């Protein structure tokens, strides 16, 4: 099983407007996925100046799946 990092980023002016950002890489362990999710969260404001990272998770990806 591999893991995919996901970060939820919300609009600063209206925190109820959020988007899910899915990493396009997959990680062999949940720990490596977590490291990547934290890095993604740190970088949200660099690429989306109007958004702030709100939460993260690592989604298990069954063999043969690229997304859910």
PDB file of N, CA and C in Angstrom:
ATOM      1  N   UNK A   1       0.848  -1.179   0.000  1.00  0.00           N
ATOM      2  CA  UNK A   1       0.000   0.000   0.000  1.00  0.00           C
ATOM      3  C   UNK A   1       0.890   1.236   0.000  1.00  0.00           C
ATOM      4  N   UNK A   2       0.444   2.239  -0.725  1.00  0.00           N
ATOM      5  CA  UNK A   2       1.127   3.525  -0.730  1.00  0.00           C
ATOM      6  C   UNK A   2       0.215   4.577  -0.118  1.00  0.00           C
ATOM      7  N   UNK A   3       0.781   5.743   0.129  1.00  0.00           N
ATOM      8  CA  UNK A   3       0.056   6.825   0.793  1.00  0.00           C
ATOM      9  C   UNK A   3       0.123   8.093  -0.033  1.00  0.00           C
ATOM     10  N   UNK A   4      -0.950   8.867  -0.034  1.00  0.00           N
ATOM     11  CA  UNK A   4      -1.022  10.142  -0.748  1.00  0.00           C
ATOM     12  C   UNK A   4      -1.281  11.261   0.263  1.00  0.00           C
ATOM     13  N   UNK A   5      -0.467  12.321   0.182  1.00  0.00           N
ATOM     14  CA  UNK A   5      -0.620  13.470   1.082  1.00  0.00           C
ATOM     15  C   UNK A   5      -1.699  14.406   0.557  1.00  0.00           C
ATOM     16  N   UNK A   6      -2.541  14.886   1.470  1.00  0.00           N
ATOM     17  CA  UNK A   6      -3.612  15.820   1.120  1.00  0.00           C
ATOM     18  C   UNK A   6      -3.611  16.950   2.143  1.00  0.00           C
ATOM     19  N   UNK A   7      -3.705  18.185   1.642  1.00  0.00           N
ATOM     20  CA  UNK A   7      -3.777  19.361   2.504  1.00  0.00           C
ATOM     21  C   UNK A   7      -5.048  20.121   2.160  1.00  0.00           C
ATOM     22  N   UNK A   8      -5.764  20.566   3.175  1.00  0.00           N
ATOM     23  CA  UNK A   8      -6.946  21.403   2.977  1.00  0.00           C
ATOM     24  C   UNK A   8      -6.515  22.849   3.214  1.00  0.00           C
ATOM     25  N   UNK A   9      -6.745  23.700   2.212  1.00  0.00           N
ATOM     26  CA  UNK A   9      -6.403  25.119   2.301  1.00  0.00           C
ATOM     27  C   UNK A   9      -7.682  25.933   2.167  1.00  0.00           C
ATOM     28  N   UNK A  10      -7.831  26.932   3.042  1.00  0.00           N
ATOM     29  CA  UNK A  10      -9.054  27.728   3.058  1.00  0.00           C
ATOM     30  C   UNK A  10      -8.764  29.188   2.727  1.00  0.00           C
ATOM     31  N   UNK A  11      -9.733  29.810   2.104  1.00  0.00           N
ATOM     32  CA  UNK A  11      -9.654  31.213   1.704  1.00  0.00           C
ATOM     33  C   UNK A  11      -9.653  32.093   2.954  1.00  0.00           C
ATOM     34  N   UNK A  12      -8.693  32.992   3.042  1.00  0.00           N
ATOM     35  CA  UNK A  12      -8.559  33.839   4.230  1.00  0.00           C
ATOM     36  C   UNK A  12      -9.787  34.716   4.473  1.00  0.00           C
ATOM     37  N   UNK A  13     -10.371  35.254   3.412  1.00  0.00           N
ATOM     38  CA  UNK A  13     -11.520  36.152   3.550  1.00  0.00           C
ATOM     39  C   UNK A  13     -12.807  35.410   3.905  1.00  0.00           C
ATOM     40  N   UNK A  14     -12.852  34.117   3.627  1.00  0.00           N
ATOM     41  CA  UNK A  14     -14.032  33.311   3.934  1.00  0.00           C
ATOM     42  C   UNK A  14     -13.566  31.886   4.233  1.00  0.00           C
ATOM     43  N   UNK A  15     -13.210  31.600   5.484  1.00  0.00           N
ATOM     44  CA  UNK A  15     -12.640  30.300   5.834  1.00  0.00           C
ATOM     45  C   UNK A  15     -13.525  29.093   5.554  1.00  0.00           C
ATOM     46  N   UNK A  16     -14.770  29.311   5.189  1.00  0.00           N
ATOM     47  CA  UNK A  16     -15.612  28.166   4.848  1.00  0.00           C
ATOM     48  C   UNK A  16     -15.408  27.730   3.390  1.00  0.00           C
ATOM     49  N   UNK A  17     -14.668  28.514   2.611  1.00  0.00           N
ATOM     50  CA  UNK A  17     -14.338  28.158   1.224  1.00  0.00           C
ATOM     51  C   UNK A  17     -12.959  27.504   1.208  1.00  0.00           C
ATOM     52  N   UNK A  18     -12.949  26.205   1.034  1.00  0.00           N
ATOM     53  CA  UNK A  18     -11.697  25.450   1.107  1.00  0.00           C
ATOM     54  C   UNK A  18     -11.507  24.586  -0.139  1.00  0.00           C
ATOM     55  N   UNK A  19     -10.261  24.244  -0.387  1.00  0.00           N
ATOM     56  CA  UNK A  19      -9.919  23.331  -1.478  1.00  0.00           C
ATOM     57  C   UNK A  19      -9.012  22.241  -0.920  1.00  0.00           C
ATOM     58  N   UNK A  20      -9.091  21.056  -1.512  1.00  0.00           N
ATOM     59  CA  UNK A  20      -8.188  19.972  -1.158  1.00  0.00           C
ATOM     60  C   UNK A  20      -7.072  19.928  -2.180  1.00  0.00           C
ATOM     61  N   UNK A  21      -5.846  19.924  -1.698  1.00  0.00           N
ATOM     62  CA  UNK A  21      -4.672  19.839  -2.555  1.00  0.00           C
ATOM     63  C   UNK A  21      -4.087  18.437  -2.414  1.00  0.00           C
ATOM     64  N   UNK A  22      -4.092  17.683  -3.504  1.00  0.00           N
ATOM     65  CA  UNK A  22      -3.583  16.313  -3.505  1.00  0.00           C
ATOM     66  C   UNK A  22      -2.176  16.295  -4.077  1.00  0.00           C
ATOM     67  N   UNK A  23      -1.253  15.699  -3.347  1.00  0.00           N
ATOM     68  CA  UNK A  23       0.100  15.533  -3.871  1.00  0.00           C
ATOM     69  C   UNK A  23       0.050  14.573  -5.052  1.00  0.00           C
ATOM     70  N   UNK A  24       0.901  14.789  -6.018  1.00  0.00           N
ATOM     71  CA  UNK A  24       0.927  13.936  -7.198  1.00  0.00           C
ATOM     72  C   UNK A  24       2.001  12.862  -7.094  1.00  0.00           C
ATOM     73  N   UNK A  25       2.507  12.669  -5.886  1.00  0.00           N
ATOM     74  CA  UNK A  25       3.453  11.588  -5.605  1.00  0.00           C
ATOM     75  C   UNK A  25       2.828  10.679  -4.552  1.00  0.00           C
ATOM     76  N   UNK A  26       3.340   9.468  -4.442  1.00  0.00           N
ATOM     77  CA  UNK A  26       2.841   8.509  -3.480  1.00  0.00           C
ATOM     78  C   UNK A  26       4.007   8.042  -2.638  1.00  0.00           C
ATOM     79  N   UNK A  27       3.745   7.734  -1.384  1.00  0.00           N
ATOM     80  CA  UNK A  27       4.807   7.441  -0.432  1.00  0.00           C
ATOM     81  C   UNK A  27       4.649   6.035   0.134  1.00  0.00           C
ATOM     82  N   UNK A  28       5.789   5.354   0.354  1.00  0.00           N
ATOM     83  CA  UNK A  28       5.725   3.960   0.794  1.00  0.00           C
ATOM     84  C   UNK A  28       5.327   3.778   2.256  1.00  0.00           C
ATOM     85  N   UNK A  29       5.449   4.852   3.053  1.00  0.00           N
ATOM     86  CA  UNK A  29       5.070   4.752   4.463  1.00  0.00           C
ATOM     87  C   UNK A  29       4.221   5.959   4.853  1.00  0.00           C
ATOM     88  N   UNK A  30       3.428   5.773   5.891  1.00  0.00           N
ATOM     89  CA  UNK A  30       2.598   6.867   6.379  1.00  0.00           C
ATOM     90  C   UNK A  30       3.475   7.989   6.940  1.00  0.00           C
ATOM     91  N   UNK A  31       4.612   7.649   7.526  1.00  0.00           N
ATOM     92  CA  UNK A  31       5.510   8.644   8.090  1.00  0.00           C
ATOM     93  C   UNK A  31       6.081   9.562   7.005  1.00  0.00           C
ATOM     94  N   UNK A  32       6.495   8.991   5.878  1.00  0.00           N
ATOM     95  CA  UNK A  32       7.020   9.811   4.770  1.00  0.00           C
ATOM     96  C   UNK A  32       5.922  10.684   4.188  1.00  0.00           C
ATOM     97  N   UNK A  33       4.723  10.163   4.136  1.00  0.00           N
ATOM     98  CA  UNK A  33       3.578  10.943   3.658  1.00  0.00           C
ATOM     99  C   UNK A  33       3.329  12.128   4.589  1.00  0.00           C
ATOM    100  N   UNK A  34       3.424  11.905   5.879  1.00  0.00           N
ATOM    101  CA  UNK A  34       3.209  12.976   6.852  1.00  0.00           C
ATOM    102  C   UNK A  34       4.235  14.089   6.685  1.00  0.00           C
ATOM    103  N   UNK A  35       5.483  13.735   6.475  1.00  0.00           N
ATOM    104  CA  UNK A  35       6.531  14.737   6.245  1.00  0.00           C
ATOM    105  C   UNK A  35       6.170  15.577   5.023  1.00  0.00           C
ATOM    106  N   UNK A  36       5.724  14.941   3.966  1.00  0.00           N
ATOM    107  CA  UNK A  36       5.341  15.653   2.742  1.00  0.00           C
ATOM    108  C   UNK A  36       4.121  16.541   2.966  1.00  0.00           C
ATOM    109  N   UNK A  37       3.156  16.065   3.713  1.00  0.00           N
ATOM    110  CA  UNK A  37       1.955  16.861   3.987  1.00  0.00           C
ATOM    111  C   UNK A  37       2.322  18.138   4.740  1.00  0.00           C
ATOM    112  N   UNK A  38       3.227  18.033   5.716  1.00  0.00           N
ATOM    113  CA  UNK A  38       3.654  19.227   6.449  1.00  0.00           C
ATOM    114  C   UNK A  38       4.387  20.204   5.534  1.00  0.00           C
ATOM    115  N   UNK A  39       5.199  19.687   4.620  1.00  0.00           N
ATOM    116  CA  UNK A  39       5.902  20.560   3.665  1.00  0.00           C
ATOM    117  C   UNK A  39       4.905  21.256   2.744  1.00  0.00           C
ATOM    118  N   UNK A  40       3.916  20.516   2.283  1.00  0.00           N
ATOM    119  CA  UNK A  40       2.878  21.116   1.438  1.00  0.00           C
ATOM    120  C   UNK A  40       2.153  22.224   2.193  1.00  0.00           C
ATOM    121  N   UNK A  41       1.822  21.966   3.464  1.00  0.00           N
ATOM    122  CA  UNK A  41       1.117  22.961   4.272  1.00  0.00           C
ATOM    123  C   UNK A  41       1.946  24.224   4.442  1.00  0.00           C
ATOM    124  N   UNK A  42       3.254  24.064   4.635  1.00  0.00           N
ATOM    125  CA  UNK A  42       4.155  25.219   4.754  1.00  0.00           C
ATOM    126  C   UNK A  42       4.164  26.066   3.484  1.00  0.00           C
ATOM    127  N   UNK A  43       4.002  25.432   2.340  1.00  0.00           N
ATOM    128  CA  UNK A  43       4.144  26.120   1.055  1.00  0.00           C
ATOM    129  C   UNK A  43       2.846  26.700   0.504  1.00  0.00           C
ATOM    130  N   UNK A  44       1.713  26.416   1.119  1.00  0.00           N
ATOM    131  CA  UNK A  44       0.430  26.877   0.582  1.00  0.00           C
ATOM    132  C   UNK A  44       0.449  28.380   0.326  1.00  0.00           C
ATOM    133  N   UNK A  45       0.871  29.170   1.289  1.00  0.00           N
ATOM    134  CA  UNK A  45       0.828  30.635   1.149  1.00  0.00           C
ATOM    135  C   UNK A  45       1.770  31.153   0.060  1.00  0.00           C
ATOM    136  N   UNK A  46       2.781  30.375  -0.320  1.00  0.00           N
ATOM    137  CA  UNK A  46       3.696  30.803  -1.386  1.00  0.00           C
ATOM    138  C   UNK A  46       3.012  30.776  -2.750  1.00  0.00           C
ATOM    139  N   UNK A  47       2.124  29.821  -2.938  1.00  0.00           N
ATOM    140  CA  UNK A  47       1.491  29.627  -4.240  1.00  0.00           C
ATOM    141  C   UNK A  47       0.042  30.095  -4.293  1.00  0.00           C
ATOM    142  N   UNK A  48      -0.564  30.194  -3.124  1.00  0.00           N
ATOM    143  CA  UNK A  48      -1.959  30.626  -3.034  1.00  0.00           C
ATOM    144  C   UNK A  48      -2.013  31.705  -1.953  1.00  0.00           C
ATOM    145  N   UNK A  49      -1.675  32.909  -2.311  1.00  0.00           N
ATOM    146  CA  UNK A  49      -1.525  34.004  -1.344  1.00  0.00           C
ATOM    147  C   UNK A  49      -2.810  34.296  -0.565  1.00  0.00           C
ATOM    148  N   UNK A  50      -3.949  33.930  -1.102  1.00  0.00           N
ATOM    149  CA  UNK A  50      -5.229  34.215  -0.453  1.00  0.00           C
ATOM    150  C   UNK A  50      -5.727  33.048   0.405  1.00  0.00           C
ATOM    151  N   UNK A  51      -4.910  31.995   0.546  1.00  0.00           N
ATOM    152  CA  UNK A  51      -5.317  30.807   1.284  1.00  0.00           C
ATOM    153  C   UNK A  51      -4.335  30.479   2.410  1.00  0.00           C
ATOM    154  N   UNK A  52      -4.832  29.706   3.366  1.00  0.00           N
ATOM    155  CA  UNK A  52      -4.009  29.232   4.471  1.00  0.00           C
ATOM    156  C   UNK A  52      -4.318  27.760   4.701  1.00  0.00           C
ATOM    157  N   UNK A  53      -3.280  26.975   4.953  1.00  0.00           N
ATOM    158  CA  UNK A  53      -3.479  25.558   5.226  1.00  0.00           C
ATOM    159  C   UNK A  53      -4.268  25.391   6.521  1.00  0.00           C
ATOM    160  N   UNK A  54      -5.260  24.520   6.474  1.00  0.00           N
ATOM    161  CA  UNK A  54      -6.127  24.298   7.631  1.00  0.00           C
ATOM    162  C   UNK A  54      -5.914  22.915   8.245  1.00  0.00           C
ATOM    163  N   UNK A  55      -5.755  21.904   7.397  1.00  0.00           N
ATOM    164  CA  UNK A  55      -5.583  20.550   7.904  1.00  0.00           C
ATOM    165  C   UNK A  55      -4.856  19.700   6.866  1.00  0.00           C
ATOM    166  N   UNK A  56      -4.498  18.505   7.281  1.00  0.00           N
ATOM    167  CA  UNK A  56      -3.808  17.574   6.381  1.00  0.00           C
ATOM    168  C   UNK A  56      -4.241  16.155   6.741  1.00  0.00           C
ATOM    169  N   UNK A  57      -3.967  15.242   5.823  1.00  0.00           N
ATOM    170  CA  UNK A  57      -4.154  13.820   6.087  1.00  0.00           C
ATOM    171  C   UNK A  57      -3.354  13.016   5.070  1.00  0.00           C
ATOM    172  N   UNK A  58      -3.125  11.781   5.401  1.00  0.00           N
ATOM    173  CA  UNK A  58      -2.487  10.853   4.476  1.00  0.00           C
ATOM    174  C   UNK A  58      -3.498   9.766   4.148  1.00  0.00           C
ATOM    175  N   UNK A  59      -3.812   9.667   2.877  1.00  0.00           N
ATOM    176  CA  UNK A  59      -4.831   8.708   2.428  1.00  0.00           C
ATOM    177  C   UNK A  59      -4.145   7.435   1.934  1.00  0.00           C
ATOM    178  N   UNK A  60      -4.566   6.282   2.449  1.00  0.00           N
ATOM    179  CA  UNK A  60      -4.012   5.024   1.925  1.00  0.00           C
ATOM    180  C   UNK A  60      -4.542   4.778   0.511  1.00  0.00           C
ATOM    181  N   UNK A  61      -3.655   4.383  -0.368  1.00  0.00           N
ATOM    182  CA  UNK A  61      -4.045   4.127  -1.757  1.00  0.00           C
ATOM    183  C   UNK A  61      -3.875   2.622  -2.038  1.00  0.00           C
ATOM    184  N   UNK A  62      -4.976   1.916  -2.237  1.00  0.00           N
ATOM    185  CA  UNK A  62      -4.891   0.491  -2.545  1.00  0.00           C
ATOM    186  C   UNK A  62      -4.113   0.256  -3.846  1.00  0.00           C
ATOM    187  N   UNK A  63      -3.507  -0.875  -3.936  1.00  0.00           N
ATOM    188  CA  UNK A  63      -2.736  -1.233  -5.125  1.00  0.00           C
ATOM    189  C   UNK A  63      -3.584  -1.062  -6.380  1.00  0.00           C
ATOM    190  N   UNK A  64      -3.016  -0.386  -7.378  1.00  0.00           N
ATOM    191  CA  UNK A  64      -3.719  -0.154  -8.635  1.00  0.00           C
ATOM    192  C   UNK A  64      -4.482   1.155  -8.704  1.00  0.00           C
ATOM    193  N   UNK A  65      -4.611   1.877  -7.596  1.00  0.00           N
ATOM    194  CA  UNK A  65      -5.336   3.150  -7.561  1.00  0.00           C
ATOM    195  C   UNK A  65      -4.356   4.316  -7.610  1.00  0.00           C
ATOM    196  N   UNK A  66      -4.708   5.353  -8.353  1.00  0.00           N
ATOM    197  CA  UNK A  66      -3.902   6.564  -8.401  1.00  0.00           C
ATOM    198  C   UNK A  66      -4.602   7.723  -7.700  1.00  0.00           C
ATOM    199  N   UNK A  67      -5.904   7.643  -7.538  1.00  0.00           N
ATOM    200  CA  UNK A  67      -6.668   8.666  -6.840  1.00  0.00           C
ATOM    201  C   UNK A  67      -7.977   8.056  -6.379  1.00  0.00           C
ATOM    202  N   UNK A  68      -8.710   8.798  -5.568  1.00  0.00           N
ATOM    203  CA  UNK A  68     -10.013   8.299  -5.110  1.00  0.00           C
ATOM    204  C   UNK A  68     -11.056   9.353  -5.348  1.00  0.00           C
TER     205      UNK A  68
END
